[in-house]
Amino acid sequence: MTEKKGQMPLISHVIVVGLGVVLILVIVYTLSSLEADYRNFIDENEMEQACYLIKGGIEKIYYSDYQNLEKGRIIIKMPDRISDINYIAEFTQYSVIIKRDDRKNVSCTIGFPAVYSGTTTGGMTEIIIHSLNGIDFIDMKRL
């Protein structure tokens, strides 16, 4: 019988440990990359949902009684934070923009011909639609 002598067992152990460390590093890097991709996906979806909440509230008022001059108001429960980050929702010309503290923005077009004003930072939000001299005004504010 021949016995292994010298540095051969030591070298094979070093190679196995080195490959194990490389494998663990590859797994950690892959999982962290997947987590970042998943976080971005969730962030965008939550911001879009907040946008659609506002848009849906406006549509409910607009289509409920179009002939009424004081069209109405609705109170919606907006999320206080999006992905644990503060945000602000504000009207622009024909859309809503959701802005976060980390500079991510999402917008959705509302499309109703009106004068838009107001902002909210989440929570209970009131949307009021009224007409004056044939011009619709849509206001939003946090309660």
C-alpha atoms as a PDB file:
ATOM      1  CA  MET A   1       0.000   0.000   0.000  1.00  0.00           C
ATOM      2  CA  THR A   2       1.167   3.419  -0.775  1.00  0.00           C
ATOM      3  CA  GLU A   3       0.479   6.213   1.605  1.00  0.00           C
ATOM      4  CA  LYS A   4      -0.006   9.815   0.490  1.00  0.00           C
ATOM      5  CA  LYS A   5       2.938  11.854   1.523  1.00  0.00           C
ATOM      6  CA  GLY A   6       3.912  15.467   1.202  1.00  0.00           C
ATOM      7  CA  GLN A   7       1.736  18.421   0.394  1.00  0.00           C
ATOM      8  CA  MET A   8      -0.819  16.688  -1.851  1.00  0.00           C
ATOM      9  CA  PRO A   9      -3.570  16.388   0.828  1.00  0.00           C
ATOM     10  CA  LEU A  10      -2.990  19.982   1.911  1.00  0.00           C
ATOM     11  CA  ILE A  11      -3.250  21.301  -1.662  1.00  0.00           C
ATOM     12  CA  SER A  12      -6.443  19.351  -2.363  1.00  0.00           C
ATOM     13  CA  HIS A  13      -8.026  20.697   0.856  1.00  0.00           C
ATOM     14  CA  VAL A  14      -7.036  24.261  -0.039  1.00  0.00           C
ATOM     15  CA  ILE A  15      -8.562  23.856  -3.506  1.00  0.00           C
ATOM     16  CA  VAL A  16     -11.818  22.463  -2.075  1.00  0.00           C
ATOM     17  CA  VAL A  17     -12.064  25.270   0.507  1.00  0.00           C
ATOM     18  CA  GLY A  18     -11.249  27.896  -2.144  1.00  0.00           C
ATOM     19  CA  LEU A  19     -13.929  26.565  -4.515  1.00  0.00           C
ATOM     20  CA  GLY A  20     -16.398  26.503  -1.613  1.00  0.00           C
ATOM     21  CA  VAL A  21     -15.685  30.157  -0.801  1.00  0.00           C
ATOM     22  CA  VAL A  22     -16.064  31.148  -4.468  1.00  0.00           C
ATOM     23  CA  LEU A  23     -19.372  29.255  -4.672  1.00  0.00           C
ATOM     24  CA  ILE A  24     -20.681  30.992  -1.542  1.00  0.00           C
ATOM     25  CA  LEU A  25     -19.669  34.417  -2.921  1.00  0.00           C
ATOM     26  CA  VAL A  26     -21.444  33.705  -6.213  1.00  0.00           C
ATOM     27  CA  ILE A  27     -24.608  32.676  -4.354  1.00  0.00           C
ATOM     28  CA  VAL A  28     -24.547  35.771  -2.112  1.00  0.00           C
ATOM     29  CA  TYR A  29     -24.024  38.095  -5.089  1.00  0.00           C
ATOM     30  CA  THR A  30     -26.845  36.433  -7.063  1.00  0.00           C
ATOM     31  CA  LEU A  31     -29.292  36.625  -4.163  1.00  0.00           C
ATOM     32  CA  SER A  32     -28.498  40.275  -3.465  1.00  0.00           C
ATOM     33  CA  SER A  33     -28.973  41.080  -7.147  1.00  0.00           C
ATOM     34  CA  LEU A  34     -32.325  39.288  -7.149  1.00  0.00           C
ATOM     35  CA  GLU A  35     -33.375  41.174  -4.025  1.00  0.00           C
ATOM     36  CA  ALA A  36     -32.562  44.526  -5.645  1.00  0.00           C
ATOM     37  CA  ASP A  37     -34.516  43.609  -8.787  1.00  0.00           C
ATOM     38  CA  TYR A  38     -37.473  42.434  -6.715  1.00  0.00           C
ATOM     39  CA  ARG A  39     -37.395  45.596  -4.567  1.00  0.00           C
ATOM     40  CA  ASN A  40     -37.447  47.815  -7.686  1.00  0.00           C
ATOM     41  CA  PHE A  41     -40.362  45.816  -9.096  1.00  0.00           C
ATOM     42  CA  ILE A  42     -42.348  46.158  -5.851  1.00  0.00           C
ATOM     43  CA  ASP A  43     -41.519  49.885  -5.578  1.00  0.00           C
ATOM     44  CA  GLU A  44     -42.804  50.626  -9.061  1.00  0.00           C
ATOM     45  CA  ASN A  45     -45.966  48.570  -8.544  1.00  0.00           C
ATOM     46  CA  GLU A  46     -46.794  50.260  -5.237  1.00  0.00           C
ATOM     47  CA  MET A  47     -46.268  53.707  -6.762  1.00  0.00           C
ATOM     48  CA  GLU A  48     -48.484  52.820  -9.722  1.00  0.00           C
ATOM     49  CA  GLN A  49     -51.180  51.528  -7.351  1.00  0.00           C
ATOM     50  CA  ALA A  50     -51.166  54.845  -5.468  1.00  0.00           C
ATOM     51  CA  CYS A  51     -51.517  56.630  -8.802  1.00  0.00           C
ATOM     52  CA  TYR A  52     -54.445  54.407  -9.813  1.00  0.00           C
ATOM     53  CA  LEU A  53     -56.163  54.979  -6.448  1.00  0.00           C
ATOM     54  CA  ILE A  54     -56.301  58.707  -7.169  1.00  0.00           C
ATOM     55  CA  LYS A  55     -57.326  58.171 -10.785  1.00  0.00           C
ATOM     56  CA  GLY A  56     -60.048  55.713  -9.738  1.00  0.00           C
ATOM     57  CA  GLY A  57     -61.417  58.155  -7.164  1.00  0.00           C
ATOM     58  CA  ILE A  58     -61.685  60.875  -9.797  1.00  0.00           C
ATOM     59  CA  GLU A  59     -63.403  58.525 -12.245  1.00  0.00           C
ATOM     60  CA  LYS A  60     -65.968  57.464  -9.626  1.00  0.00           C
ATOM     61  CA  ILE A  61     -66.973  61.077  -9.064  1.00  0.00           C
ATOM     62  CA  TYR A  62     -66.860  62.050 -12.726  1.00  0.00           C
ATOM     63  CA  TYR A  63     -69.046  59.206 -13.955  1.00  0.00           C
ATOM     64  CA  SER A  64     -71.508  59.129 -11.028  1.00  0.00           C
ATOM     65  CA  ASP A  65     -73.409  62.333 -11.866  1.00  0.00           C
ATOM     66  CA  TYR A  66     -72.018  64.220 -14.817  1.00  0.00           C
ATOM     67  CA  GLN A  67     -74.910  66.741 -14.960  1.00  0.00           C
ATOM     68  CA  ASN A  68     -74.443  67.971 -11.394  1.00  0.00           C
ATOM     69  CA  LEU A  69     -72.579  71.285 -11.126  1.00  0.00           C
ATOM     70  CA  GLU A  70     -71.162  70.358  -7.709  1.00  0.00           C
ATOM     71  CA  LYS A  71     -70.002  66.989  -8.938  1.00  0.00           C
ATOM     72  CA  GLY A  72     -68.934  65.643  -5.601  1.00  0.00           C
ATOM     73  CA  ARG A  73     -66.135  64.506  -3.407  1.00  0.00           C
ATOM     74  CA  ILE A  74     -64.581  61.269  -2.348  1.00  0.00           C
ATOM     75  CA  ILE A  75     -62.285  60.323   0.490  1.00  0.00           C
ATOM     76  CA  ILE A  76     -59.735  57.643  -0.272  1.00  0.00           C
ATOM     77  CA  LYS A  77     -57.249  55.914   2.005  1.00  0.00           C
ATOM     78  CA  MET A  78     -53.808  56.306   0.476  1.00  0.00           C
ATOM     79  CA  PRO A  79     -50.809  54.397   1.832  1.00  0.00           C
ATOM     80  CA  ASP A  80     -48.836  56.422   4.383  1.00  0.00           C
ATOM     81  CA  ARG A  81     -45.528  55.265   2.901  1.00  0.00           C
ATOM     82  CA  ILE A  82     -44.495  53.419  -0.235  1.00  0.00           C
ATOM     83  CA  SER A  83     -41.909  50.710   0.401  1.00  0.00           C
ATOM     84  CA  ASP A  84     -41.143  52.370   3.751  1.00  0.00           C
ATOM     85  CA  ILE A  85     -40.262  55.671   2.049  1.00  0.00           C
ATOM     86  CA  ASN A  86     -42.222  58.927   2.317  1.00  0.00           C
ATOM     87  CA  TYR A  87     -43.808  60.236  -0.855  1.00  0.00           C
ATOM     88  CA  ILE A  88     -45.918  63.075  -2.198  1.00  0.00           C
ATOM     89  CA  ALA A  89     -48.638  62.847  -4.830  1.00  0.00           C
ATOM     90  CA  GLU A  90     -49.357  65.985  -6.802  1.00  0.00           C
ATOM     91  CA  PHE A  91     -51.417  66.969  -9.784  1.00  0.00           C
ATOM     92  CA  THR A  92     -49.825  68.282 -12.948  1.00  0.00           C
ATOM     93  CA  GLN A  93     -51.646  69.379 -16.067  1.00  0.00           C
ATOM     94  CA  TYR A  94     -53.498  66.114 -16.872  1.00  0.00           C
ATOM     95  CA  SER A  95     -51.752  63.597 -14.649  1.00  0.00           C
ATOM     96  CA  VAL A  96     -50.752  62.592 -11.144  1.00  0.00           C
ATOM     97  CA  ILE A  97     -47.079  62.338 -10.225  1.00  0.00           C
ATOM     98  CA  ILE A  98     -45.966  60.231  -7.277  1.00  0.00           C
ATOM     99  CA  LYS A  99     -42.590  61.482  -6.028  1.00  0.00           C
ATOM    100  CA  ARG A 100     -40.524  59.716  -3.397  1.00  0.00           C
ATOM    101  CA  ASP A 101     -37.718  60.975  -1.196  1.00  0.00           C
ATOM    102  CA  ASP A 102     -35.240  58.768  -3.062  1.00  0.00           C
ATOM    103  CA  ARG A 103     -36.030  60.606  -6.325  1.00  0.00           C
ATOM    104  CA  LYS A 104     -38.113  57.849  -7.928  1.00  0.00           C
ATOM    105  CA  ASN A 105     -41.106  59.215  -9.829  1.00  0.00           C
ATOM    106  CA  VAL A 106     -44.130  57.566 -11.410  1.00  0.00           C
ATOM    107  CA  SER A 107     -46.930  59.342 -13.234  1.00  0.00           C
ATOM    108  CA  CYS A 108     -50.273  58.311 -14.659  1.00  0.00           C
ATOM    109  CA  THR A 109     -52.472  60.290 -17.001  1.00  0.00           C
ATOM    110  CA  ILE A 110     -55.953  61.168 -15.807  1.00  0.00           C
ATOM    111  CA  GLY A 111     -57.226  62.595 -19.070  1.00  0.00           C
ATOM    112  CA  PHE A 112     -60.225  64.643 -17.924  1.00  0.00           C
ATOM    113  CA  PRO A 113     -60.255  68.250 -19.147  1.00  0.00           C
ATOM    114  CA  ALA A 114     -60.054  70.134 -15.859  1.00  0.00           C
ATOM    115  CA  VAL A 115     -57.932  72.438 -13.757  1.00  0.00           C
ATOM    116  CA  TYR A 116     -56.000  70.267 -11.293  1.00  0.00           C
ATOM    117  CA  SER A 117     -54.566  71.411  -7.978  1.00  0.00           C
ATOM    118  CA  GLY A 118     -53.421  69.957  -4.699  1.00  0.00           C
ATOM    119  CA  THR A 119     -51.074  67.453  -3.145  1.00  0.00           C
ATOM    120  CA  THR A 120     -51.150  64.692  -0.571  1.00  0.00           C
ATOM    121  CA  THR A 121     -48.569  62.786   1.425  1.00  0.00           C
ATOM    122  CA  GLY A 122     -50.768  59.749   1.907  1.00  0.00           C
ATOM    123  CA  GLY A 123     -53.307  58.832   4.538  1.00  0.00           C
ATOM    124  CA  MET A 124     -56.926  59.973   4.267  1.00  0.00           C
ATOM    125  CA  THR A 125     -57.128  62.074   1.109  1.00  0.00           C
ATOM    126  CA  GLU A 126     -60.076  64.080  -0.137  1.00  0.00           C
ATOM    127  CA  ILE A 127     -60.674  64.682  -3.840  1.00  0.00           C
ATOM    128  CA  ILE A 128     -63.271  67.304  -4.761  1.00  0.00           C
ATOM    129  CA  ILE A 129     -64.598  67.980  -8.252  1.00  0.00           C
ATOM    130  CA  HIS A 130     -66.676  71.073  -8.920  1.00  0.00           C
ATOM    131  CA  SER A 131     -67.576  73.218 -11.914  1.00  0.00           C
ATOM    132  CA  LEU A 132     -67.576  76.957 -12.327  1.00  0.00           C
ATOM    133  CA  ASN A 133     -68.677  78.609 -15.574  1.00  0.00           C
ATOM    134  CA  GLY A 134     -68.310  75.338 -17.463  1.00  0.00           C
ATOM    135  CA  ILE A 135     -64.778  74.679 -16.239  1.00  0.00           C
ATOM    136  CA  ASP A 136     -64.136  71.647 -14.028  1.00  0.00           C
ATOM    137  CA  PHE A 137     -61.819  71.979 -11.046  1.00  0.00           C
ATOM    138  CA  ILE A 138     -60.298  68.938  -9.354  1.00  0.00           C
ATOM    139  CA  ASP A 139     -58.736  69.536  -5.933  1.00  0.00           C
ATOM    140  CA  MET A 140     -56.865  67.072  -3.749  1.00  0.00           C
ATOM    141  CA  LYS A 141     -55.779  67.462  -0.129  1.00  0.00           C
ATOM    142  CA  ARG A 142     -54.783  65.324   2.805  1.00  0.00           C
ATOM    143  CA  LEU A 143     -57.278  65.322   5.660  1.00  0.00           C
END
